Amino acid sequence: MAYVTVINEHQHVQQIVSGHHHLTADAPVAAGGSDAGFAPRELLLASLGADTAMALRKHAVQNDWTLGKITVGVRWSRNPSGADHIERRLSFGRPLTAQQKARLLEVAAATPVASLLRAGIAIQSSVID
């Protein structure tokens, strides 16, 4: 089970801890923050991108494919009607066949973070005394 603790001692700066890993999140200057770390939406996009790259590399190793450098670009946008959209662009350091590209797109679509985002998830909050 994944567990992350977020500690806020300042207006927008958040210290994020998971095991022995530490990360800072903050709001951009335009939103009143100091831009001392990733914005929350950027962290979400980074999770999707990292999960995608790891899954693609794992699949390539299992199939003895040489992909070279994997780059995953992830962009969030909202259309005029208010619907959110995430665009994920994959690029590889080596040429791939059409079949490899198609299979890697399938792998990307099935990653845990992508599946979670598509399906949505119930979030339960409680106050602990």
Protein backbone atom coordinates (compact mmCIF):
# COMPACT_ATOMS: atom_id res chain seq x y z
CA MET A 1 0.00 0.00 0.00
CA ALA A 2 1.33 3.44 -0.89
CA TYR A 3 1.40 6.05 1.86
CA VAL A 4 2.46 9.68 1.53
CA THR A 5 2.51 12.38 4.22
CA VAL A 6 2.16 16.04 3.29
CA ILE A 7 3.19 18.64 5.87
CA ASN A 8 2.18 22.29 5.52
CA GLU A 9 3.81 24.84 7.80
CA HIS A 10 3.68 27.78 5.39
CA GLN A 11 0.98 29.23 3.19
CA HIS A 12 1.60 27.26 0.00
CA VAL A 13 4.83 25.26 0.52
CA GLN A 14 4.21 21.57 1.19
CA GLN A 15 6.81 19.04 2.35
CA ILE A 16 5.96 15.62 0.95
CA VAL A 17 7.41 12.49 2.55
CA SER A 18 7.12 8.87 1.49
CA GLY A 19 9.50 6.51 3.25
CA HIS A 20 12.95 8.08 2.92
CA HIS A 21 11.97 10.22 -0.08
CA HIS A 22 11.31 13.96 0.28
CA LEU A 23 9.77 16.38 -2.20
CA THR A 24 8.53 19.96 -2.11
CA ALA A 25 5.29 21.18 -3.65
CA ASP A 26 4.22 24.79 -3.95
CA ALA A 27 1.84 27.00 -5.84
CA PRO A 28 3.16 29.09 -8.72
CA VAL A 29 3.88 32.77 -8.07
CA ALA A 30 0.80 33.73 -10.12
CA ALA A 31 -1.33 31.77 -7.62
CA GLY A 32 0.28 33.34 -4.55
CA GLY A 33 2.98 30.74 -3.96
CA SER A 34 6.74 31.02 -4.20
CA ASP A 35 7.23 28.35 -6.90
CA ALA A 36 9.53 26.41 -4.55
CA GLY A 37 8.47 23.05 -5.99
CA PHE A 38 6.10 21.26 -8.27
CA ALA A 39 2.51 22.50 -8.38
CA PRO A 40 -0.01 19.81 -7.37
CA ARG A 41 -1.24 19.33 -10.94
CA GLU A 42 2.38 18.94 -12.10
CA LEU A 43 2.88 16.19 -9.52
CA LEU A 44 -0.14 14.36 -10.90
CA LEU A 45 1.19 14.67 -14.45
CA ALA A 46 4.65 13.58 -13.28
CA SER A 47 3.11 10.48 -11.69
CA LEU A 48 1.47 9.56 -14.97
CA GLY A 49 4.64 10.22 -16.94
CA ALA A 50 6.92 8.29 -14.58
CA ASP A 51 4.55 5.34 -14.37
CA THR A 52 4.32 5.28 -18.16
CA ALA A 53 8.09 5.41 -18.73
CA MET A 54 8.69 2.64 -16.17
CA ALA A 55 6.06 0.38 -17.75
CA LEU A 56 7.40 0.99 -21.26
CA ARG A 57 10.98 0.21 -20.18
CA LYS A 58 9.86 -2.95 -18.37
CA HIS A 59 7.93 -4.13 -21.42
CA ALA A 60 10.88 -3.40 -23.71
CA VAL A 61 13.30 -5.35 -21.49
CA GLN A 62 10.90 -8.32 -21.31
CA ASN A 63 10.68 -8.36 -25.12
CA ASP A 64 14.36 -7.59 -25.77
CA TRP A 65 13.46 -4.36 -27.58
CA THR A 66 15.99 -1.53 -27.74
CA LEU A 67 14.08 1.72 -27.21
CA GLY A 68 16.96 4.03 -26.33
CA LYS A 69 15.92 7.07 -24.32
CA ILE A 70 12.22 7.14 -23.42
CA THR A 71 10.65 10.57 -23.11
CA VAL A 72 7.07 11.00 -21.90
CA GLY A 73 5.58 14.47 -22.24
CA VAL A 74 2.34 15.04 -20.35
CA ARG A 75 0.14 18.12 -20.68
CA TRP A 76 -3.13 18.99 -18.92
CA SER A 77 -5.68 21.33 -20.46
CA ARG A 78 -9.31 22.28 -19.99
CA ASN A 79 -11.56 23.00 -22.95
CA PRO A 80 -14.06 25.89 -23.02
CA SER A 81 -16.88 23.63 -21.81
CA GLY A 82 -14.84 22.78 -18.70
CA ALA A 83 -13.81 19.22 -19.58
CA ASP A 84 -10.31 18.26 -18.49
CA HIS A 85 -7.95 16.60 -20.96
CA ILE A 86 -4.52 15.01 -20.54
CA GLU A 87 -2.30 14.59 -23.58
CA ARG A 88 0.56 12.10 -23.27
CA ARG A 89 3.27 12.04 -25.95
CA LEU A 90 5.81 9.23 -26.13
CA SER A 91 9.13 9.39 -27.92
CA PHE A 92 11.98 6.94 -28.16
CA GLY A 93 15.67 7.22 -28.94
CA ARG A 94 15.58 4.34 -31.43
CA PRO A 95 13.39 3.69 -34.49
CA LEU A 96 10.45 1.36 -33.84
CA THR A 97 8.22 -0.72 -36.07
CA ALA A 98 4.53 0.11 -36.41
CA GLN A 99 3.74 -3.03 -34.38
CA GLN A 100 6.08 -1.98 -31.56
CA LYS A 101 4.55 1.50 -31.46
CA ALA A 102 1.04 0.05 -31.31
CA ARG A 103 2.00 -2.34 -28.50
CA LEU A 104 3.73 0.40 -26.51
CA LEU A 105 0.59 2.54 -26.77
CA GLU A 106 -1.39 -0.39 -25.34
CA VAL A 107 1.13 -0.72 -22.50
CA ALA A 108 0.88 3.02 -21.78
CA ALA A 109 -2.92 2.85 -21.69
CA ALA A 110 -2.83 0.04 -19.13
CA THR A 111 -0.45 1.56 -16.55
CA PRO A 112 -1.80 1.74 -12.99
CA VAL A 113 -1.84 5.55 -12.86
CA ALA A 114 -3.50 5.87 -16.29
CA SER A 115 -6.11 3.29 -15.28
CA LEU A 116 -6.76 5.11 -12.01
CA LEU A 117 -7.19 8.47 -13.73
CA ARG A 118 -9.54 7.05 -16.36
CA ALA A 119 -11.69 5.17 -13.86
CA GLY A 120 -11.76 7.81 -11.15
CA ILE A 121 -11.49 6.86 -7.50
CA ALA A 122 -13.49 7.41 -4.35
CA ILE A 123 -11.66 9.68 -1.90
CA GLN A 124 -12.56 9.42 1.77
CA SER A 125 -11.37 12.16 4.12
CA SER A 126 -11.52 12.26 7.91
CA VAL A 127 -10.19 14.49 10.68
CA ILE A 128 -7.92 12.69 13.13
CA ASP A 129 -7.78 14.01 16.70
